[in-house]
């Protein structure tokens, strides 16, 4: 309280730019400072490993929340007929996992925007784990897509779409839907978008994410869009909605390859 009063009284003095008053203020202010001084300091290391004994108080505090979270994450929301392999997705131009991922997100996004030409909702690196055979739990979807990526529809010039297609080709394919192409000498060829030949003179609407459109994983083509539309839907939520809808219809996830991306060099 003393400090506040002193400051209030001295402020007009400072505004007069009178050096003597300013010096007087500094002396008074300095007299309010603590008289304590550091005489000794030290450091210690506390190792956090298996040898550290459990703190029962901490365990008791978080256990109720952990039980609720575990119950939610272990809920079965669907079933898969086969293992959808991340290794295949990483190494092949297309895979059941990448096709499932792209088709699921595309289908859910089209409920909000039916004018999408094609989708690239992730790169191969964004698909983090296998999707297991049998039960699909909430946890499985979180592990497959642990990020908070938002879906956005971009309107791009044909020249920018070409840059995106070049990126897909040099990457030996990426998860896509609504797009077919051949990779020939690391370049795109025979490109079909919604079943029609790609024309560089046209504009196209591409579904992707905030991460990819921002240049994530060195993706090209989204730097100067003609327009963009944020759908307000996360990729992970789109995946869960798709799996839940299939389960409600009594269907299993049965992803497969269909030749949407073919590498003439054998996918290497």
C-alpha atoms as a PDB file:
ATOM      1  CA  UNK A   1       0.000   0.000   0.000  1.00  0.00           C
ATOM      2  CA  UNK A   2       2.905   2.311   0.877  1.00  0.00           C
ATOM      3  CA  UNK A   3       4.530   1.612  -2.471  1.00  0.00           C
ATOM      4  CA  UNK A   4       1.331   2.434  -4.382  1.00  0.00           C
ATOM      5  CA  UNK A   5       0.819   5.705  -2.473  1.00  0.00           C
ATOM      6  CA  UNK A   6       4.412   6.758  -2.978  1.00  0.00           C
ATOM      7  CA  UNK A   7       4.263   5.994  -6.668  1.00  0.00           C
ATOM      8  CA  UNK A   8       1.035   7.983  -7.081  1.00  0.00           C
ATOM      9  CA  UNK A   9       2.489  11.015  -5.301  1.00  0.00           C
ATOM     10  CA  UNK A  10       5.726  10.942  -7.199  1.00  0.00           C
ATOM     11  CA  UNK A  11       4.324  10.447 -10.688  1.00  0.00           C
ATOM     12  CA  UNK A  12       3.497  14.161 -11.176  1.00  0.00           C
ATOM     13  CA  UNK A  13       7.078  14.965 -10.231  1.00  0.00           C
ATOM     14  CA  UNK A  14       8.382  12.728 -13.005  1.00  0.00           C
ATOM     15  CA  UNK A  15       6.074  14.343 -15.509  1.00  0.00           C
ATOM     16  CA  UNK A  16       7.708  17.709 -14.799  1.00  0.00           C
ATOM     17  CA  UNK A  17      11.003  16.167 -15.960  1.00  0.00           C
ATOM     18  CA  UNK A  18      12.757  17.756 -12.993  1.00  0.00           C
ATOM     19  CA  UNK A  19      15.916  15.795 -12.405  1.00  0.00           C
ATOM     20  CA  UNK A  20      16.017  16.557  -8.674  1.00  0.00           C
ATOM     21  CA  UNK A  21      12.506  15.265  -8.128  1.00  0.00           C
ATOM     22  CA  UNK A  22      13.286  12.214 -10.239  1.00  0.00           C
ATOM     23  CA  UNK A  23      16.366  11.479  -8.142  1.00  0.00           C
ATOM     24  CA  UNK A  24      14.373  11.932  -4.938  1.00  0.00           C
ATOM     25  CA  UNK A  25      11.763   9.473  -6.238  1.00  0.00           C
ATOM     26  CA  UNK A  26      14.448   6.939  -7.053  1.00  0.00           C
ATOM     27  CA  UNK A  27      15.902   7.204  -3.563  1.00  0.00           C
ATOM     28  CA  UNK A  28      12.509   6.743  -1.915  1.00  0.00           C
ATOM     29  CA  UNK A  29      11.667   3.851  -4.223  1.00  0.00           C
ATOM     30  CA  UNK A  30      14.992   2.204  -3.523  1.00  0.00           C
ATOM     31  CA  UNK A  31      14.381   2.446   0.205  1.00  0.00           C
ATOM     32  CA  UNK A  32      11.301   0.238  -0.236  1.00  0.00           C
ATOM     33  CA  UNK A  33      13.320  -2.625  -1.673  1.00  0.00           C
ATOM     34  CA  UNK A  34      13.811  -5.804   0.354  1.00  0.00           C
ATOM     35  CA  UNK A  35      16.890  -6.005   2.524  1.00  0.00           C
ATOM     36  CA  UNK A  36      17.281  -9.710   1.854  1.00  0.00           C
ATOM     37  CA  UNK A  37      20.250 -10.950  -0.178  1.00  0.00           C
ATOM     38  CA  UNK A  38      21.137 -14.367  -1.546  1.00  0.00           C
ATOM     39  CA  UNK A  39      24.028 -15.780   0.441  1.00  0.00           C
ATOM     40  CA  UNK A  40      24.010 -19.326  -0.869  1.00  0.00           C
ATOM     41  CA  UNK A  41      22.447 -21.318  -3.727  1.00  0.00           C
ATOM     42  CA  UNK A  42      22.561 -24.934  -4.718  1.00  0.00           C
ATOM     43  CA  UNK A  43      21.006 -27.523  -6.986  1.00  0.00           C
ATOM     44  CA  UNK A  44      19.953 -31.128  -6.701  1.00  0.00           C
ATOM     45  CA  UNK A  45      18.882 -33.758  -9.218  1.00  0.00           C
ATOM     46  CA  UNK A  46      15.777 -35.846  -8.717  1.00  0.00           C
ATOM     47  CA  UNK A  47      15.823 -38.829 -11.039  1.00  0.00           C
ATOM     48  CA  UNK A  48      12.477 -39.922 -12.425  1.00  0.00           C
ATOM     49  CA  UNK A  49      12.765 -43.613 -13.255  1.00  0.00           C
ATOM     50  CA  UNK A  50      11.618 -47.043 -12.136  1.00  0.00           C
ATOM     51  CA  UNK A  51      13.557 -46.700  -8.890  1.00  0.00           C
ATOM     52  CA  UNK A  52      11.440 -43.765  -7.762  1.00  0.00           C
ATOM     53  CA  UNK A  53       8.831 -45.014  -5.264  1.00  0.00           C
ATOM     54  CA  UNK A  54       5.190 -44.407  -6.141  1.00  0.00           C
ATOM     55  CA  UNK A  55       3.488 -41.506  -4.405  1.00  0.00           C
ATOM     56  CA  UNK A  56       0.221 -42.925  -3.126  1.00  0.00           C
ATOM     57  CA  UNK A  57      -1.298 -39.462  -2.663  1.00  0.00           C
ATOM     58  CA  UNK A  58      -0.730 -38.578  -6.307  1.00  0.00           C
ATOM     59  CA  UNK A  59      -2.068 -41.947  -7.437  1.00  0.00           C
ATOM     60  CA  UNK A  60      -5.233 -41.471  -5.380  1.00  0.00           C
ATOM     61  CA  UNK A  61      -5.771 -38.015  -6.893  1.00  0.00           C
ATOM     62  CA  UNK A  62      -5.605 -39.060 -10.549  1.00  0.00           C
ATOM     63  CA  UNK A  63      -7.029 -42.593 -10.367  1.00  0.00           C
ATOM     64  CA  UNK A  64     -10.725 -41.575 -10.682  1.00  0.00           C
ATOM     65  CA  UNK A  65      -9.937 -39.567 -13.840  1.00  0.00           C
ATOM     66  CA  UNK A  66      -7.775 -42.345 -15.278  1.00  0.00           C
ATOM     67  CA  UNK A  67     -10.540 -44.886 -14.795  1.00  0.00           C
ATOM     68  CA  UNK A  68     -13.018 -42.662 -16.627  1.00  0.00           C
ATOM     69  CA  UNK A  69     -10.577 -42.031 -19.460  1.00  0.00           C
ATOM     70  CA  UNK A  70      -9.684 -45.713 -19.786  1.00  0.00           C
ATOM     71  CA  UNK A  71     -13.360 -46.630 -19.939  1.00  0.00           C
ATOM     72  CA  UNK A  72     -13.963 -44.085 -22.696  1.00  0.00           C
ATOM     73  CA  UNK A  73     -10.872 -44.979 -24.729  1.00  0.00           C
ATOM     74  CA  UNK A  74     -11.582 -48.720 -24.578  1.00  0.00           C
ATOM     75  CA  UNK A  75     -15.084 -48.391 -26.073  1.00  0.00           C
ATOM     76  CA  UNK A  76     -15.511 -50.524 -29.201  1.00  0.00           C
ATOM     77  CA  UNK A  77     -16.899 -48.380 -32.025  1.00  0.00           C
ATOM     78  CA  UNK A  78     -16.414 -50.713 -34.984  1.00  0.00           C
ATOM     79  CA  UNK A  79     -14.711 -53.761 -36.466  1.00  0.00           C
ATOM     80  CA  UNK A  80     -12.122 -54.325 -39.174  1.00  0.00           C
ATOM     81  CA  UNK A  81     -11.988 -57.410 -41.364  1.00  0.00           C
ATOM     82  CA  UNK A  82      -8.175 -57.217 -41.669  1.00  0.00           C
ATOM     83  CA  UNK A  83      -5.161 -55.486 -40.202  1.00  0.00           C
ATOM     84  CA  UNK A  84      -4.562 -52.227 -42.073  1.00  0.00           C
ATOM     85  CA  UNK A  85      -0.792 -51.925 -42.151  1.00  0.00           C
ATOM     86  CA  UNK A  86       1.168 -48.720 -41.583  1.00  0.00           C
ATOM     87  CA  UNK A  87       4.275 -50.362 -43.082  1.00  0.00           C
ATOM     88  CA  UNK A  88       2.443 -50.864 -46.367  1.00  0.00           C
ATOM     89  CA  UNK A  89       1.235 -47.281 -46.238  1.00  0.00           C
ATOM     90  CA  UNK A  90       4.781 -46.034 -45.683  1.00  0.00           C
ATOM     91  CA  UNK A  91       6.313 -48.018 -48.542  1.00  0.00           C
ATOM     92  CA  UNK A  92       3.667 -48.457 -51.268  1.00  0.00           C
ATOM     93  CA  UNK A  93       2.019 -45.877 -53.554  1.00  0.00           C
ATOM     94  CA  UNK A  94      -1.347 -46.826 -52.058  1.00  0.00           C
ATOM     95  CA  UNK A  95      -2.405 -49.205 -49.301  1.00  0.00           C
ATOM     96  CA  UNK A  96      -5.600 -50.359 -47.593  1.00  0.00           C
ATOM     97  CA  UNK A  97      -4.776 -48.114 -44.612  1.00  0.00           C
ATOM     98  CA  UNK A  98      -4.184 -44.967 -46.674  1.00  0.00           C
ATOM     99  CA  UNK A  99      -7.290 -45.624 -48.781  1.00  0.00           C
ATOM    100  CA  UNK A 100      -9.438 -46.231 -45.689  1.00  0.00           C
ATOM    101  CA  UNK A 101      -8.146 -43.043 -44.113  1.00  0.00           C
ATOM    102  CA  UNK A 102      -8.717 -40.843 -47.175  1.00  0.00           C
ATOM    103  CA  UNK A 103     -12.100 -42.370 -48.110  1.00  0.00           C
ATOM    104  CA  UNK A 104     -13.436 -42.105 -44.552  1.00  0.00           C
ATOM    105  CA  UNK A 105     -12.477 -38.452 -44.190  1.00  0.00           C
ATOM    106  CA  UNK A 106     -13.727 -37.594 -47.684  1.00  0.00           C
ATOM    107  CA  UNK A 107     -17.110 -39.227 -47.060  1.00  0.00           C
ATOM    108  CA  UNK A 108     -17.649 -37.354 -43.798  1.00  0.00           C
ATOM    109  CA  UNK A 109     -16.505 -34.027 -45.263  1.00  0.00           C
ATOM    110  CA  UNK A 110     -18.873 -34.385 -48.217  1.00  0.00           C
ATOM    111  CA  UNK A 111     -21.778 -34.302 -45.775  1.00  0.00           C
ATOM    112  CA  UNK A 112     -20.738 -30.701 -45.090  1.00  0.00           C
ATOM    113  CA  UNK A 113     -19.565 -29.755 -48.591  1.00  0.00           C
ATOM    114  CA  UNK A 114     -20.604 -31.778 -51.648  1.00  0.00           C
ATOM    115  CA  UNK A 115     -18.453 -29.831 -54.119  1.00  0.00           C
ATOM    116  CA  UNK A 116     -15.080 -31.346 -53.169  1.00  0.00           C
ATOM    117  CA  UNK A 117     -13.056 -32.556 -56.161  1.00  0.00           C
ATOM    118  CA  UNK A 118     -10.536 -34.704 -54.311  1.00  0.00           C
ATOM    119  CA  UNK A 119      -8.971 -35.142 -50.892  1.00  0.00           C
ATOM    120  CA  UNK A 120      -5.529 -35.493 -49.394  1.00  0.00           C
ATOM    121  CA  UNK A 121      -6.329 -35.440 -45.655  1.00  0.00           C
ATOM    122  CA  UNK A 122      -2.908 -36.655 -44.520  1.00  0.00           C
ATOM    123  CA  UNK A 123       0.542 -37.554 -45.657  1.00  0.00           C
ATOM    124  CA  UNK A 124       1.940 -41.032 -45.118  1.00  0.00           C
ATOM    125  CA  UNK A 125       3.778 -39.751 -42.081  1.00  0.00           C
ATOM    126  CA  UNK A 126       0.498 -38.673 -40.515  1.00  0.00           C
ATOM    127  CA  UNK A 127      -0.777 -42.261 -40.335  1.00  0.00           C
ATOM    128  CA  UNK A 128       0.858 -43.313 -37.094  1.00  0.00           C
ATOM    129  CA  UNK A 129      -0.045 -46.965 -36.436  1.00  0.00           C
ATOM    130  CA  UNK A 130      -1.788 -50.041 -37.855  1.00  0.00           C
ATOM    131  CA  UNK A 131      -5.537 -50.318 -37.562  1.00  0.00           C
ATOM    132  CA  UNK A 132      -6.040 -53.749 -35.972  1.00  0.00           C
ATOM    133  CA  UNK A 133      -8.149 -56.644 -37.150  1.00  0.00           C
ATOM    134  CA  UNK A 134     -11.284 -57.139 -35.084  1.00  0.00           C
ATOM    135  CA  UNK A 135     -12.364 -54.573 -32.514  1.00  0.00           C
ATOM    136  CA  UNK A 136     -11.705 -50.924 -33.295  1.00  0.00           C
ATOM    137  CA  UNK A 137     -11.697 -48.820 -30.144  1.00  0.00           C
ATOM    138  CA  UNK A 138     -11.681 -45.082 -29.561  1.00  0.00           C
ATOM    139  CA  UNK A 139      -8.060 -45.514 -28.491  1.00  0.00           C
ATOM    140  CA  UNK A 140      -7.184 -47.091 -31.858  1.00  0.00           C
ATOM    141  CA  UNK A 141      -8.437 -44.000 -33.692  1.00  0.00           C
ATOM    142  CA  UNK A 142      -6.573 -41.657 -31.331  1.00  0.00           C
ATOM    143  CA  UNK A 143      -3.389 -43.654 -31.904  1.00  0.00           C
ATOM    144  CA  UNK A 144      -3.879 -43.635 -35.672  1.00  0.00           C
ATOM    145  CA  UNK A 145      -4.531 -39.877 -35.669  1.00  0.00           C
ATOM    146  CA  UNK A 146      -3.232 -38.291 -32.440  1.00  0.00           C
ATOM    147  CA  UNK A 147      -3.232 -34.737 -33.794  1.00  0.00           C
ATOM    148  CA  UNK A 148      -5.853 -31.988 -33.621  1.00  0.00           C
ATOM    149  CA  UNK A 149      -5.795 -31.324 -37.374  1.00  0.00           C
ATOM    150  CA  UNK A 150      -8.789 -29.420 -38.784  1.00  0.00           C
ATOM    151  CA  UNK A 151     -10.296 -30.116 -42.203  1.00  0.00           C
ATOM    152  CA  UNK A 152     -10.301 -27.289 -44.756  1.00  0.00           C
ATOM    153  CA  UNK A 153     -11.481 -27.149 -48.369  1.00  0.00           C
ATOM    154  CA  UNK A 154      -9.167 -25.091 -50.594  1.00  0.00           C
ATOM    155  CA  UNK A 155      -9.973 -23.707 -54.029  1.00  0.00           C
ATOM    156  CA  UNK A 156      -6.765 -23.851 -56.061  1.00  0.00           C
ATOM    157  CA  UNK A 157      -5.671 -22.812 -59.524  1.00  0.00           C
ATOM    158  CA  UNK A 158      -4.754 -25.656 -61.828  1.00  0.00           C
ATOM    159  CA  UNK A 159      -1.087 -24.664 -61.653  1.00  0.00           C
ATOM    160  CA  UNK A 160      -1.103 -25.051 -57.874  1.00  0.00           C
ATOM    161  CA  UNK A 161      -2.915 -28.390 -58.145  1.00  0.00           C
ATOM    162  CA  UNK A 162      -0.117 -29.436 -60.497  1.00  0.00           C
ATOM    163  CA  UNK A 163       2.421 -28.620 -57.783  1.00  0.00           C
ATOM    164  CA  UNK A 164       0.442 -30.753 -55.341  1.00  0.00           C
ATOM    165  CA  UNK A 165       0.309 -33.639 -57.825  1.00  0.00           C
ATOM    166  CA  UNK A 166       4.062 -33.307 -58.360  1.00  0.00           C
ATOM    167  CA  UNK A 167       4.512 -33.613 -54.585  1.00  0.00           C
ATOM    168  CA  UNK A 168       2.348 -36.755 -54.463  1.00  0.00           C
ATOM    169  CA  UNK A 169       4.349 -38.295 -57.308  1.00  0.00           C
ATOM    170  CA  UNK A 170       7.798 -37.557 -55.900  1.00  0.00           C
ATOM    171  CA  UNK A 171       6.599 -38.917 -52.509  1.00  0.00           C
ATOM    172  CA  UNK A 172       5.626 -42.246 -54.145  1.00  0.00           C
ATOM    173  CA  UNK A 173       1.969 -41.597 -53.381  1.00  0.00           C
ATOM    174  CA  UNK A 174       0.013 -40.132 -50.482  1.00  0.00           C
ATOM    175  CA  UNK A 175      -3.410 -40.939 -48.954  1.00  0.00           C
ATOM    176  CA  UNK A 176      -5.919 -39.567 -51.488  1.00  0.00           C
ATOM    177  CA  UNK A 177      -9.569 -39.948 -52.452  1.00  0.00           C
ATOM    178  CA  UNK A 178     -11.269 -38.857 -55.682  1.00  0.00           C
ATOM    179  CA  UNK A 179      -7.920 -38.886 -57.459  1.00  0.00           C
ATOM    180  CA  UNK A 180      -6.235 -41.423 -59.759  1.00  0.00           C
ATOM    181  CA  UNK A 181      -2.774 -41.102 -61.212  1.00  0.00           C
ATOM    182  CA  UNK A 182       0.243 -42.948 -62.546  1.00  0.00           C
ATOM    183  CA  UNK A 183       3.714 -42.114 -61.276  1.00  0.00           C
ATOM    184  CA  UNK A 184       6.160 -42.170 -64.153  1.00  0.00           C
ATOM    185  CA  UNK A 185       9.778 -41.197 -63.457  1.00  0.00           C
ATOM    186  CA  UNK A 186       8.615 -39.530 -60.221  1.00  0.00           C
ATOM    187  CA  UNK A 187       6.154 -37.353 -62.115  1.00  0.00           C
ATOM    188  CA  UNK A 188       2.337 -37.525 -62.311  1.00  0.00           C
ATOM    189  CA  UNK A 189       0.747 -38.871 -65.484  1.00  0.00           C
ATOM    190  CA  UNK A 190      -2.743 -39.919 -66.576  1.00  0.00           C
ATOM    191  CA  UNK A 191      -4.295 -37.890 -63.767  1.00  0.00           C
ATOM    192  CA  UNK A 192      -8.058 -38.258 -63.267  1.00  0.00           C
ATOM    193  CA  UNK A 193      -9.980 -36.076 -60.812  1.00  0.00           C
ATOM    194  CA  UNK A 194     -13.497 -37.309 -60.134  1.00  0.00           C
ATOM    195  CA  UNK A 195     -13.098 -39.515 -63.195  1.00  0.00           C
ATOM    196  CA  UNK A 196     -12.211 -36.610 -65.521  1.00  0.00           C
ATOM    197  CA  UNK A 197      -8.774 -35.749 -66.944  1.00  0.00           C
ATOM    198  CA  UNK A 198      -6.944 -33.068 -65.016  1.00  0.00           C
ATOM    199  CA  UNK A 199      -6.839 -29.708 -66.795  1.00  0.00           C
ATOM    200  CA  UNK A 200      -4.342 -27.119 -65.636  1.00  0.00           C
ATOM    201  CA  UNK A 201      -6.594 -24.312 -66.911  1.00  0.00           C
ATOM    202  CA  UNK A 202      -9.346 -25.209 -64.403  1.00  0.00           C
ATOM    203  CA  UNK A 203      -9.744 -24.564 -60.690  1.00  0.00           C
ATOM    204  CA  UNK A 204     -10.285 -27.388 -58.207  1.00  0.00           C
ATOM    205  CA  UNK A 205     -11.536 -27.734 -54.626  1.00  0.00           C
ATOM    206  CA  UNK A 206      -9.275 -29.923 -52.508  1.00  0.00           C
ATOM    207  CA  UNK A 207      -9.979 -31.252 -49.021  1.00  0.00           C
ATOM    208  CA  UNK A 208      -6.961 -31.199 -46.727  1.00  0.00           C
ATOM    209  CA  UNK A 209      -5.918 -30.040 -43.257  1.00  0.00           C
ATOM    210  CA  UNK A 210      -4.480 -26.964 -41.598  1.00  0.00           C
ATOM    211  CA  UNK A 211      -1.216 -28.858 -41.098  1.00  0.00           C
ATOM    212  CA  UNK A 212      -0.788 -29.929 -44.715  1.00  0.00           C
ATOM    213  CA  UNK A 213      -1.911 -26.606 -46.164  1.00  0.00           C
ATOM    214  CA  UNK A 214       0.654 -24.874 -43.957  1.00  0.00           C
ATOM    215  CA  UNK A 215       3.450 -26.822 -45.644  1.00  0.00           C
ATOM    216  CA  UNK A 216       3.580 -29.741 -43.214  1.00  0.00           C
ATOM    217  CA  UNK A 217       5.822 -32.595 -44.425  1.00  0.00           C
ATOM    218  CA  UNK A 218       6.974 -30.234 -47.216  1.00  0.00           C
ATOM    219  CA  UNK A 219       3.626 -30.369 -49.004  1.00  0.00           C
ATOM    220  CA  UNK A 220       3.373 -27.937 -51.934  1.00  0.00           C
ATOM    221  CA  UNK A 221       0.522 -26.096 -53.635  1.00  0.00           C
ATOM    222  CA  UNK A 222      -1.563 -24.455 -50.905  1.00  0.00           C
ATOM    223  CA  UNK A 223       0.393 -21.222 -50.476  1.00  0.00           C
ATOM    224  CA  UNK A 224      -1.877 -18.984 -52.592  1.00  0.00           C
ATOM    225  CA  UNK A 225      -5.438 -20.376 -52.594  1.00  0.00           C
ATOM    226  CA  UNK A 226      -8.292 -18.617 -54.345  1.00  0.00           C
ATOM    227  CA  UNK A 227     -10.515 -19.481 -51.403  1.00  0.00           C
ATOM    228  CA  UNK A 228     -10.624 -21.692 -48.331  1.00  0.00           C
ATOM    229  CA  UNK A 229     -13.447 -23.038 -46.218  1.00  0.00           C
ATOM    230  CA  UNK A 230     -12.898 -24.338 -42.688  1.00  0.00           C
ATOM    231  CA  UNK A 231     -15.350 -27.185 -42.089  1.00  0.00           C
ATOM    232  CA  UNK A 232     -15.161 -27.188 -38.290  1.00  0.00           C
ATOM    233  CA  UNK A 233     -14.437 -30.927 -38.304  1.00  0.00           C
ATOM    234  CA  UNK A 234     -11.292 -32.624 -37.037  1.00  0.00           C
ATOM    235  CA  UNK A 235      -9.760 -35.472 -39.000  1.00  0.00           C
ATOM    236  CA  UNK A 236      -9.972 -37.776 -35.983  1.00  0.00           C
ATOM    237  CA  UNK A 237     -13.664 -37.030 -35.492  1.00  0.00           C
ATOM    238  CA  UNK A 238     -14.327 -37.738 -39.168  1.00  0.00           C
ATOM    239  CA  UNK A 239     -12.628 -41.132 -38.807  1.00  0.00           C
ATOM    240  CA  UNK A 240     -14.623 -42.012 -35.690  1.00  0.00           C
ATOM    241  CA  UNK A 241     -17.893 -40.910 -37.285  1.00  0.00           C
ATOM    242  CA  UNK A 242     -17.148 -43.098 -40.317  1.00  0.00           C
ATOM    243  CA  UNK A 243     -16.332 -46.184 -38.219  1.00  0.00           C
ATOM    244  CA  UNK A 244     -19.395 -45.679 -35.996  1.00  0.00           C
ATOM    245  CA  UNK A 245     -21.661 -45.272 -39.034  1.00  0.00           C
ATOM    246  CA  UNK A 246     -20.348 -48.517 -40.566  1.00  0.00           C
ATOM    247  CA  UNK A 247     -20.910 -50.321 -37.266  1.00  0.00           C
ATOM    248  CA  UNK A 248     -24.456 -48.973 -37.010  1.00  0.00           C
ATOM    249  CA  UNK A 249     -25.150 -50.438 -40.462  1.00  0.00           C
ATOM    250  CA  UNK A 250     -23.697 -53.806 -39.441  1.00  0.00           C
ATOM    251  CA  UNK A 251     -20.684 -53.401 -41.728  1.00  0.00           C
ATOM    252  CA  UNK A 252     -17.038 -54.150 -41.062  1.00  0.00           C
ATOM    253  CA  UNK A 253     -14.198 -51.952 -42.305  1.00  0.00           C
ATOM    254  CA  UNK A 254     -12.996 -53.706 -45.455  1.00  0.00           C
ATOM    255  CA  UNK A 255     -10.442 -51.382 -47.046  1.00  0.00           C
ATOM    256  CA  UNK A 256      -8.549 -52.428 -50.151  1.00  0.00           C
ATOM    257  CA  UNK A 257      -6.387 -51.037 -52.911  1.00  0.00           C
ATOM    258  CA  UNK A 258      -8.062 -50.071 -56.181  1.00  0.00           C
ATOM    259  CA  UNK A 259      -5.276 -48.710 -58.373  1.00  0.00           C
ATOM    260  CA  UNK A 260      -5.830 -45.054 -57.538  1.00  0.00           C
ATOM    261  CA  UNK A 261      -2.054 -44.512 -57.457  1.00  0.00           C
ATOM    262  CA  UNK A 262       0.197 -46.749 -59.543  1.00  0.00           C
ATOM    263  CA  UNK A 263       3.978 -46.399 -59.714  1.00  0.00           C
ATOM    264  CA  UNK A 264       5.247 -47.778 -63.001  1.00  0.00           C
ATOM    265  CA  UNK A 265       8.660 -48.391 -61.435  1.00  0.00           C
ATOM    266  CA  UNK A 266       7.045 -50.846 -59.031  1.00  0.00           C
ATOM    267  CA  UNK A 267       6.367 -48.446 -56.179  1.00  0.00           C
ATOM    268  CA  UNK A 268      10.015 -47.893 -55.266  1.00  0.00           C
END
